[in-house]
Structure formats: C-alpha cells, structure tokens
Protein backbone atom coordinates (compact mmCIF):
# COMPACT_ATOMS: atom_id res chain seq x y z
CA UNK A 1 122.84 88.61 87.67
CA UNK A 2 126.38 88.45 86.30
CA UNK A 3 127.53 84.97 85.44
CA UNK A 4 131.05 84.53 86.78
CA UNK A 5 131.93 82.16 83.97
CA UNK A 6 131.07 84.89 81.46
CA UNK A 7 129.09 82.42 79.38
CA UNK A 8 125.45 82.59 80.46
CA UNK A 9 122.54 80.61 79.02
CA UNK A 10 122.87 77.94 76.34
CA UNK A 11 121.16 80.29 73.87
CA UNK A 12 123.69 83.02 74.47
CA UNK A 13 126.60 80.56 74.48
CA UNK A 14 125.48 79.52 71.01
CA UNK A 15 125.24 83.16 69.93
CA UNK A 16 128.76 83.79 71.16
CA UNK A 17 130.08 80.85 69.15
CA UNK A 18 128.19 82.07 66.08
CA UNK A 19 129.67 85.55 66.49
CA UNK A 20 133.13 84.15 66.94
CA UNK A 21 132.67 82.04 63.83
CA UNK A 22 131.63 85.09 61.84
CA UNK A 23 134.61 87.13 62.89
CA UNK A 24 137.10 84.27 62.82
CA UNK A 25 139.97 83.54 65.13
CA UNK A 26 141.90 86.47 63.76
CA UNK A 27 138.99 88.75 64.59
CA UNK A 28 138.96 87.60 68.20
CA UNK A 29 142.69 88.07 68.48
CA UNK A 30 142.33 91.51 66.93
CA UNK A 31 140.08 92.59 69.77
CA UNK A 32 143.10 92.58 72.03
CA UNK A 33 144.60 95.38 69.96
CA UNK A 34 141.36 97.34 69.91
CA UNK A 35 140.62 97.30 73.63
CA UNK A 36 143.80 98.84 74.93
CA UNK A 37 143.20 101.43 77.63
CA UNK A 38 146.31 103.47 76.98
CA UNK A 39 147.74 102.83 80.43
CA UNK A 40 146.88 100.91 83.58
CA UNK A 41 144.94 103.82 85.07
CA UNK A 42 142.95 104.77 81.98
CA UNK A 43 139.46 103.68 80.93
CA UNK A 44 138.75 102.01 77.59
CA UNK A 45 135.47 103.06 76.02
CA UNK A 46 133.93 101.57 72.86
CA UNK A 47 131.50 103.54 70.70
CA UNK A 48 129.97 103.10 67.27
CA UNK A 49 129.16 106.75 66.60
CA UNK A 50 130.19 108.28 63.30
CA UNK A 51 129.48 111.53 61.48
CA UNK A 52 128.07 114.34 63.62
CA UNK A 53 127.44 111.92 66.49
CA UNK A 54 131.04 110.78 66.36
CA UNK A 55 132.55 114.26 66.40
CA UNK A 56 130.26 115.28 69.26
CA UNK A 57 131.17 112.22 71.31
CA UNK A 58 134.87 112.85 70.69
CA UNK A 59 134.46 116.42 71.91
CA UNK A 60 132.64 115.28 75.05
CA UNK A 61 135.27 112.68 75.90
CA UNK A 62 138.04 115.21 75.27
CA UNK A 63 136.33 117.58 77.72
CA UNK A 64 136.01 114.83 80.34
CA UNK A 65 139.70 114.04 79.96
CA UNK A 66 140.59 117.72 80.35
CA UNK A 67 138.41 118.22 83.41
CA UNK A 68 139.01 114.96 85.31
CA UNK A 69 141.73 112.40 85.99
CA UNK A 70 139.86 109.61 84.20
CA UNK A 71 142.07 109.33 81.07
CA UNK A 72 139.38 107.84 78.81
CA UNK A 73 140.55 106.09 75.67
CA UNK A 74 137.67 106.29 73.19
CA UNK A 75 137.71 103.62 70.49
CA UNK A 76 135.26 103.77 67.59
CA UNK A 77 134.19 100.53 65.93
CA UNK A 78 132.24 100.83 62.63
CA UNK A 79 128.52 100.22 63.24
CA UNK A 80 128.31 97.23 60.88
CA UNK A 81 131.10 95.51 62.84
CA UNK A 82 130.33 96.74 66.32
CA UNK A 83 128.19 94.01 67.85
CA UNK A 84 130.18 91.15 66.34
CA UNK A 85 133.32 92.76 67.74
CA UNK A 86 131.71 93.17 71.14
CA UNK A 87 130.55 89.55 71.19
CA UNK A 88 133.97 88.26 70.23
CA UNK A 89 135.68 90.51 72.77
CA UNK A 90 133.45 89.05 75.47
CA UNK A 91 134.13 85.53 74.26
CA UNK A 92 137.87 86.20 74.33
CA UNK A 93 137.72 87.81 77.76
CA UNK A 94 139.30 91.03 76.47
CA UNK A 95 136.60 93.61 77.03
CA UNK A 96 136.51 97.40 77.24
CA UNK A 97 135.68 99.03 80.54
CA UNK A 98 132.63 100.75 79.05
CA UNK A 99 130.71 100.12 75.85
CA UNK A 100 127.67 101.55 74.11
CA UNK A 101 124.73 99.16 73.86
CA UNK A 102 121.34 99.88 72.36
CA UNK A 103 118.56 99.33 74.86
CA UNK A 104 116.78 96.60 72.90
CA UNK A 105 119.92 94.44 73.20
CA UNK A 106 120.15 94.56 76.99
CA UNK A 107 118.27 91.29 77.41
CA UNK A 108 120.73 89.55 75.11
CA UNK A 109 123.69 90.82 77.14
CA UNK A 110 122.30 90.53 80.65
CA UNK A 111 124.63 87.64 81.56
CA UNK A 112 127.74 89.55 80.53
CA UNK A 113 127.44 92.98 82.13
CA UNK A 114 127.91 94.37 85.62
CA UNK A 115 124.64 95.71 87.11
CA UNK A 116 124.84 99.31 88.28
CA UNK A 117 121.60 99.38 90.26
CA UNK A 118 123.41 100.24 93.50
CA UNK A 119 125.91 102.62 91.90
CA UNK A 120 123.81 104.96 89.78
CA UNK A 121 120.85 107.00 91.00
CA UNK A 122 118.17 106.17 88.43
CA UNK A 123 115.97 109.05 89.60
CA UNK A 124 118.19 111.59 87.83
CA UNK A 125 117.05 110.23 84.45
CA UNK A 126 113.73 110.85 82.71
CA UNK A 127 111.12 108.32 83.77
CA UNK A 128 109.92 107.80 80.18
CA UNK A 129 113.43 106.67 79.24
CA UNK A 130 114.52 104.88 82.41
CA UNK A 131 111.46 102.62 82.45
CA UNK A 132 112.43 101.39 78.98
CA UNK A 133 116.01 100.42 79.84
CA UNK A 134 115.55 98.56 83.12
CA UNK A 135 115.69 94.76 82.87
CA UNK A 136 113.72 93.06 85.64
CA UNK A 137 114.27 96.21 87.74
CA UNK A 138 118.04 95.93 87.27
CA UNK A 139 120.07 98.80 85.80
CA UNK A 140 122.28 96.93 83.35
CA UNK A 141 122.86 99.90 81.05
CA UNK A 142 122.76 103.58 82.01
CA UNK A 143 120.78 105.59 79.44
CA UNK A 144 122.58 108.31 77.55
CA UNK A 145 119.59 109.34 75.46
CA UNK A 146 116.46 108.42 73.58
CA UNK A 147 116.63 108.49 69.81
CA UNK A 148 113.15 108.20 68.31
CA UNK A 149 112.12 108.75 64.70
CA UNK A 150 110.41 111.85 63.42
CA UNK A 151 109.14 113.17 60.10
CA UNK A 152 111.47 115.75 58.55
CA UNK A 153 110.17 117.89 55.71
CA UNK A 154 111.86 120.08 53.12
CA UNK A 155 110.29 123.53 53.31
CA UNK A 156 111.89 124.62 50.04
CA UNK A 157 110.26 121.73 48.15
CA UNK A 158 106.93 122.51 49.81
CA UNK A 159 107.12 126.12 48.68
CA UNK A 160 108.09 125.19 45.13
CA UNK A 161 105.13 122.79 44.95
CA UNK A 162 102.72 125.47 46.17
CA UNK A 163 102.33 124.06 49.69
CA UNK A 164 102.54 126.01 52.92
CA UNK A 165 106.13 125.37 54.07
CA UNK A 166 105.21 126.04 57.70
CA UNK A 167 102.34 123.53 57.78
CA UNK A 168 103.78 120.20 58.99
CA UNK A 169 102.52 117.03 57.26
CA UNK A 170 101.58 115.41 60.56
CA UNK A 171 98.36 113.59 59.68
CA UNK A 172 97.67 110.84 57.12
CA UNK A 173 95.52 113.23 55.11
CA UNK A 174 98.14 115.97 55.06
CA UNK A 175 100.89 113.59 53.97
CA UNK A 176 98.74 112.21 51.12
CA UNK A 177 98.06 115.74 49.93
CA UNK A 178 101.74 116.68 50.23
CA UNK A 179 102.90 113.68 48.22
CA UNK A 180 100.28 114.12 45.52
CA UNK A 181 100.92 117.86 45.19
CA UNK A 182 104.70 117.51 45.05
CA UNK A 183 104.65 114.75 42.44
CA UNK A 184 102.07 116.61 40.31
CA UNK A 185 103.64 120.08 40.51
CA UNK A 186 107.37 119.28 40.52
CA UNK A 187 109.86 116.69 39.30
CA UNK A 188 110.56 115.65 42.90
CA UNK A 189 109.49 112.56 44.81
CA UNK A 190 106.97 112.71 47.63
CA UNK A 191 109.43 111.45 50.22
CA UNK A 192 111.62 108.68 51.50
CA UNK A 193 111.15 105.81 53.95
CA UNK A 194 114.24 103.76 54.66
CA UNK A 195 114.35 100.18 53.44
CA UNK A 196 116.38 97.12 54.35
CA UNK A 197 117.11 96.70 58.07
CA UNK A 198 115.58 100.05 59.06
CA UNK A 199 112.29 98.95 57.51
CA UNK A 200 111.69 96.82 60.62
CA UNK A 201 111.64 100.03 62.67
CA UNK A 202 109.12 101.60 60.30
CA UNK A 203 106.92 98.52 60.42
CA UNK A 204 107.03 98.39 64.23
CA UNK A 205 106.18 102.10 64.44
CA UNK A 206 103.04 101.68 62.35
CA UNK A 207 102.01 98.38 63.97
CA UNK A 208 102.24 99.98 67.39
CA UNK A 209 100.24 102.94 66.08
CA UNK A 210 97.46 100.47 65.25
CA UNK A 211 97.40 99.41 68.89
CA UNK A 212 99.15 96.08 68.33
CA UNK A 213 102.41 94.83 69.87
CA UNK A 214 105.19 93.78 67.54
CA UNK A 215 105.61 90.69 69.74
CA UNK A 216 103.37 89.37 72.48
CA UNK A 217 104.74 88.50 75.91
CA UNK A 218 105.16 84.93 74.64
CA UNK A 219 107.16 86.16 71.61
CA UNK A 220 104.31 85.45 69.23
CA UNK A 221 103.92 87.90 66.34
CA UNK A 222 101.45 90.58 67.36
CA UNK A 223 100.82 91.71 63.78
CA UNK A 224 99.49 88.50 62.22
CA UNK A 225 96.07 90.08 61.78
CA UNK A 226 94.14 92.71 59.84
CA UNK A 227 96.10 95.56 61.44
CA UNK A 228 99.46 94.13 60.40
CA UNK A 229 98.14 93.68 56.88
CA UNK A 230 96.85 97.27 56.91
CA UNK A 231 100.38 98.50 57.66
CA UNK A 232 101.86 96.46 54.82
CA UNK A 233 99.10 97.66 52.48
CA UNK A 234 99.84 101.27 53.39
CA UNK A 235 103.53 100.84 52.59
CA UNK A 236 102.61 99.07 49.35
CA UNK A 237 100.24 101.88 48.40
CA UNK A 238 102.61 104.80 48.87
CA UNK A 239 105.54 102.93 47.30
CA UNK A 240 104.16 100.71 44.55
CA UNK A 241 100.63 101.95 43.81
CA UNK A 242 101.15 105.70 44.11
CA UNK A 243 104.88 105.88 43.49
CA UNK A 244 105.30 108.64 46.08
CA UNK A 245 108.18 106.83 47.77
CA UNK A 246 110.69 104.97 45.58
CA UNK A 247 111.24 101.24 45.87
CA UNK A 248 114.97 101.83 45.75
CA UNK A 249 116.06 103.05 49.18
CA UNK A 250 119.32 104.44 47.83
CA UNK A 251 117.49 106.54 45.24
CA UNK A 252 115.15 107.94 47.88
CA UNK A 253 118.00 108.78 50.25
CA UNK A 254 119.95 110.52 47.50
CA UNK A 255 116.87 112.48 46.45
CA UNK A 256 116.38 113.73 50.00
CA UNK A 257 120.01 114.75 50.36
CA UNK A 258 119.88 116.53 46.99
CA UNK A 259 116.83 118.55 48.05
CA UNK A 260 114.52 116.62 45.73
CA UNK A 261 112.12 114.97 48.20
CA UNK A 262 109.32 116.34 50.32
CA UNK A 263 109.77 114.32 53.49
CA UNK A 264 111.96 111.79 55.27
CA UNK A 265 111.22 109.59 58.29
CA UNK A 266 114.47 109.39 60.24
CA UNK A 267 115.83 109.65 63.75
CA UNK A 268 117.19 112.29 66.10
CA UNK A 269 120.68 111.86 64.64
CA UNK A 270 119.52 113.32 61.34
CA UNK A 271 119.75 116.84 62.75
CA UNK A 272 123.52 116.92 62.30
CA UNK A 273 123.03 115.72 58.71
CA UNK A 274 120.27 118.09 57.66
CA UNK A 275 122.06 121.07 59.18
CA UNK A 276 124.73 120.58 56.52
CA UNK A 277 122.51 119.86 53.53
CA UNK A 278 121.58 123.46 52.82
CA UNK A 279 117.77 123.60 52.58
CA UNK A 280 115.23 124.88 55.08
CA UNK A 281 113.62 122.04 57.03
CA UNK A 282 111.12 121.20 59.73
CA UNK A 283 110.51 118.26 62.04
CA UNK A 284 107.17 116.89 63.21
CA UNK A 285 105.67 113.71 64.61
CA UNK A 286 105.41 110.81 62.12
CA UNK A 287 101.65 110.58 62.75
CA UNK A 288 100.82 109.36 59.28
CA UNK A 289 99.44 105.81 59.63
CA UNK A 290 95.77 105.81 58.53
CA UNK A 291 93.20 104.64 61.09
CA UNK A 292 95.77 104.62 63.90
CA UNK A 293 94.60 104.06 67.46
CA UNK A 294 97.41 106.27 68.81
CA UNK A 295 100.27 107.51 66.67
CA UNK A 296 103.58 106.12 67.95
CA UNK A 297 107.18 106.38 66.85
CA UNK A 298 109.92 103.80 66.96
CA UNK A 299 112.49 104.60 69.65
CA UNK A 300 115.60 103.23 71.27
CA UNK A 301 118.22 104.43 73.75
CA UNK A 302 121.98 104.29 73.72
CA UNK A 303 123.05 102.89 77.08
CA UNK A 304 126.47 102.54 78.67
CA UNK A 305 127.33 99.10 79.97
CA UNK A 306 130.24 97.71 81.98
CA UNK A 307 131.17 94.35 80.41
CA UNK A 308 132.05 91.73 83.01
CA UNK A 309 135.80 91.36 83.57
CA UNK A 310 136.96 89.36 86.58
CA UNK A 311 140.34 91.11 86.51
CA UNK A 312 138.86 94.63 86.86
CA UNK A 313 139.86 96.12 90.21
CA UNK A 314 137.50 97.99 92.52
CA UNK A 315 139.41 101.20 91.90
CA UNK A 316 139.06 100.80 88.13
CA UNK A 317 135.38 100.03 88.47
CA UNK A 318 134.88 103.19 90.54
CA UNK A 319 136.54 105.23 87.81
CA UNK A 320 134.34 103.55 85.24
CA UNK A 321 131.21 104.48 87.20
CA UNK A 322 132.50 108.05 87.52
CA UNK A 323 132.96 108.24 83.74
CA UNK A 324 129.43 106.97 83.10
CA UNK A 325 128.04 109.64 85.44
CA UNK A 326 130.11 112.33 83.72
CA UNK A 327 128.98 111.30 80.27
CA UNK A 328 125.28 110.72 80.95
CA UNK A 329 124.76 113.56 83.45
CA UNK A 330 127.34 116.34 83.46
CA UNK A 331 127.91 116.44 79.69
CA UNK A 332 124.46 115.39 78.51
CA UNK A 333 123.40 118.84 77.29
CA UNK A 334 126.00 118.81 74.52
CA UNK A 335 124.69 115.44 73.31
CA UNK A 336 121.38 117.23 72.76
CA UNK A 337 122.54 120.58 71.38
CA UNK A 338 125.23 119.22 69.05
CA UNK A 339 124.10 115.69 68.14
CA UNK A 340 120.34 116.29 68.34
CA UNK A 341 119.52 113.37 70.63
CA UNK A 342 117.09 113.60 73.52
CA UNK A 343 119.26 113.44 76.66
CA UNK A 344 118.19 110.97 79.33
CA UNK A 345 119.28 113.28 82.14
CA UNK A 346 116.41 115.22 83.73
CA UNK A 347 118.71 118.13 84.53
CA UNK A 348 119.86 118.32 80.91
CA UNK A 349 116.28 118.19 79.62
CA UNK A 350 115.28 121.04 81.91
CA UNK A 351 118.38 123.17 81.35
CA UNK A 352 118.21 126.60 79.73
CA UNK A 353 121.24 125.73 77.62
CA UNK A 354 119.27 122.98 75.90
CA UNK A 355 115.86 124.62 75.80
CA UNK A 356 117.20 127.87 74.38
CA UNK A 357 119.28 126.09 71.76
CA UNK A 358 118.75 125.88 68.02
CA UNK A 359 118.53 122.10 68.38
CA UNK A 360 115.57 122.36 70.75
CA UNK A 361 113.60 124.62 68.42
CA UNK A 362 114.50 122.61 65.33
CA UNK A 363 113.88 119.07 66.57
CA UNK A 364 114.73 118.12 70.15
CA UNK A 365 111.73 119.96 71.60
CA UNK A 366 109.38 118.00 69.34
CA UNK A 367 110.96 114.72 70.39
CA UNK A 368 110.57 115.77 74.03
CA UNK A 369 106.85 116.41 73.52
CA UNK A 370 106.50 112.96 71.97
CA UNK A 371 108.15 111.42 75.02
CA UNK A 372 105.78 113.28 77.34
CA UNK A 373 102.80 112.10 75.29
CA UNK A 374 103.80 108.44 75.65
CA UNK A 375 104.50 108.02 71.95
CA UNK A 376 107.80 106.13 72.19
CA UNK A 377 107.58 102.51 71.02
CA UNK A 378 110.70 100.57 71.97
CA UNK A 379 111.36 97.29 70.18
CA UNK A 380 110.64 94.21 72.31
CA UNK A 381 113.74 92.81 74.03
CA UNK A 382 114.43 89.11 73.58
CA UNK A 383 117.42 86.77 73.41
CA UNK A 384 117.09 86.83 69.62
CA UNK A 385 116.52 90.45 68.60
CA UNK A 386 118.79 90.38 65.59
CA UNK A 387 117.15 87.23 64.23
CA UNK A 388 113.52 88.28 64.59
CA UNK A 389 114.10 91.81 63.30
CA UNK A 390 115.93 90.41 60.27
CA UNK A 391 112.90 88.25 59.51
CA UNK A 392 110.59 91.27 59.65
CA UNK A 393 112.56 93.61 57.45
CA UNK A 394 113.36 90.96 54.86
CA UNK A 395 109.71 89.96 54.47
CA UNK A 396 108.39 93.54 54.46
CA UNK A 397 111.14 94.51 52.04
CA UNK A 398 109.66 91.90 49.70
CA UNK A 399 106.39 93.83 49.85
CA UNK A 400 108.26 97.06 49.18
CA UNK A 401 109.93 95.54 46.12
CA UNK A 402 106.53 94.26 44.93
CA UNK A 403 107.76 90.67 45.02
CA UNK A 404 104.84 89.56 47.21
CA UNK A 405 101.50 91.06 48.13
CA UNK A 406 101.00 92.61 51.59
CA UNK A 407 99.03 89.65 52.95
CA UNK A 408 101.75 87.20 51.93
CA UNK A 409 104.54 89.37 53.28
CA UNK A 410 102.89 89.67 56.69
CA UNK A 411 102.16 85.94 56.82
CA UNK A 412 105.77 85.12 55.92
CA UNK A 413 107.08 87.54 58.57
CA UNK A 414 104.81 86.04 61.22
CA UNK A 415 105.78 82.45 60.32
CA UNK A 416 109.43 83.43 60.30
CA UNK A 417 109.20 84.87 63.80
CA UNK A 418 107.55 81.70 65.06
CA UNK A 419 110.49 79.82 63.59
CA UNK A 420 112.98 82.05 65.44
CA UNK A 421 111.39 81.40 68.82
CA UNK A 422 110.45 77.71 68.38
C-alpha cells in the first residue's frame, strides 16, 4: 500500500535520512534540476543504463516519442549514484514519473511507489519472471527483463590451447580441464570471476546451486553450514590454490577484454560488450559448482516503478502507464536483440524477430532455456538488501584475497548478516 505521507516504516525513514546525509543538502536540491519533465505534458523517466544498454534504451525511447504523444524525457543517472539520487528525490518530494528499479529492491521501496496491479495485465509477461517481481501479490514494478548470469568463453583461446572451441565448459569437470589446459599451454589465465560487490552474486549463485537459500524466511543466513563453506573453498581453490582466476578483479577483467582469458561469468548485458571485443565467443550455463544439487544462476529483473507523487494528475498517471506498456511490451524485442537481455514480455519472447536474431543464437536463447528450467536464483528481498549484500561480498572478498580461510570468511559473513537483521 502507498503511504500518503511518503515516509513509510521507521526502518525506511531511517534509510531515507541516511541517503540524504550521504548526498547532502545540495544533492537533494540538485534532484530538482534532474527530474524536469521538459514540459507539463511530458513524462520524466530515470534510468541507470550505460554503454550498449544505454544506447539501446535511448533508441527505444526515441522511437516511443516518434510514434506516440507521450514526450518522454529520459534522464540517465550514473549507476554508482542512482539509488542515492532516487532516495533523496523521494525524500525531497521531487520524483520522476517513472524510474528503473531492480527487482530485489522492490521490498525496500514498497511504501513509496504506486501499485499497478489494476492497471497492467500481468499475464502478458513470462510467468518465470513475473512471479519473481510481485510483492505480496502486488505489482509494484513492471518487469522489463530478466538479466541472469552466464558463462562466456573465448573460442580463440580454447583453440590456441588445443581445446575444442565448440565444446562449452558447462560442468565442473570441463571447467577444471579448461583452466588447467589453458594455463599449461598458453600464457593466458583460466578465466575471470568478478570481485567486490558482484562477488555477492557469485556466492549466492553457488550457494543456491548447493540447494541452500542465501537467507531463510526469517532472514537468517542460509549458508552457515558445510555447503556455504564448500562454496568458499571452491572460490579459494580456483583463485588462490590453483591460480586459474586472479585475485585482482581488475587484472582478470582486463585479461578477458584483451582476449587473454578462457572464460568469464557475467550477465546478459555482456553481449553488447563482447560483440565489440573482436574474438569469437560462446555462452553457456554457469553449471560449474562441484557437487551441486541443481545448478542455478544469479538473476534479477529491471522493473519500472511509478514513485508516489501526490501532485501527479490522473491524466499524467494514465500517460505514465501507457509509457510503461510501450516500453515493456511493444518495444521489448529490441531490448533483447540489441541489449541482449531476456525480455519479460511473452509476445517478445515468442516473436520471430527475437528468435531469428543473432542475439538469440549467441546468448538470449541460452538464457531463455535456463529460465524454462527453473535455474534463476533471485536475491532475497528485504528492507536491508544493500547492507546484507555488502556484508557478504566484503567477507567473501577476504577469502578471495587470501586474508582469511574459507571457514572464517563464511562465519564472518553469517555473523555480519545476523548483525544487520538484529
């Protein structure tokens, strides 16, 4: 339910004050300049997309403006500033008409958005995606896509190392062989797994593959056990013991982009990057956790929300709803073919334009199969997602850097999570 005071629970009030403190008074005032709609009839739309995603989104919005009377004013906020800016805009009461929100943050924002349950037909979106974005059966954010992680491999490096470039490294045994062969037969690294904040996504992916939840329903750590330790040990083995993946995340990323790494675990968005790199590549499921119960991949969805604004007229709200339908339904194919994401729209997923595209054969089709096989693991939604995920990646990063052993890192992560939710 939307809180008419725009403040919500005491937890979220505190989070708003923290965000405002981070950005400062000048930051809050600056939101007024950022959220201009262009004119009284236009729609202001905040995104955080850059690179290939950003250019694709710009093209889609330009097309919507050409084909309709909506007059959408797209404003891009840098990703590292986006959520602080959105918080402070809400606190200042100067919000955009539409904003992008990742699905795992919907619980945090539920007091500040306008439900669209009665405005948007949820049946037009893929069930595997829609069931992950509903909050207590309320449609608070309309899904644009799913963006899971996959395992990308460099076929040129495989061939140089004497491996079959068409044989995907989609089992633990295959990946071990790939890494060992590449490091023995070439000067390249086995592959790259992102560190820092993205390491929480990797950890969750492997924990879920072991059949454990990242968090229980009571927000207790679901990995404070032998399976969580097994995940940390696996990361420690391939990084510190074997040296197949570098400790330094920047070095690994640069090696991949220079064509000097065998594999990379990254998301749907990487298609627009790897298309420009210049080497032949493949994409497969990241089914590489040893002794997994069922191989899963970390996933999320970009959703479109309507931030609560008591001054928004019914006519403006109707235009906002129309824009959300246009973006998530009528122009969803382009989000798949050009940006590489898995569209949430059923019609887009079933369209010949998508299924006959280069994107489908290169990556999107594989991500679709993963969705149909129930392999998407969305991060648990709480009122404190940023805090608990920070705890996880910081503690597991300590394992990656060989500062603590796997058992200690897991114990510290579990204790840290308990501290977040106490």
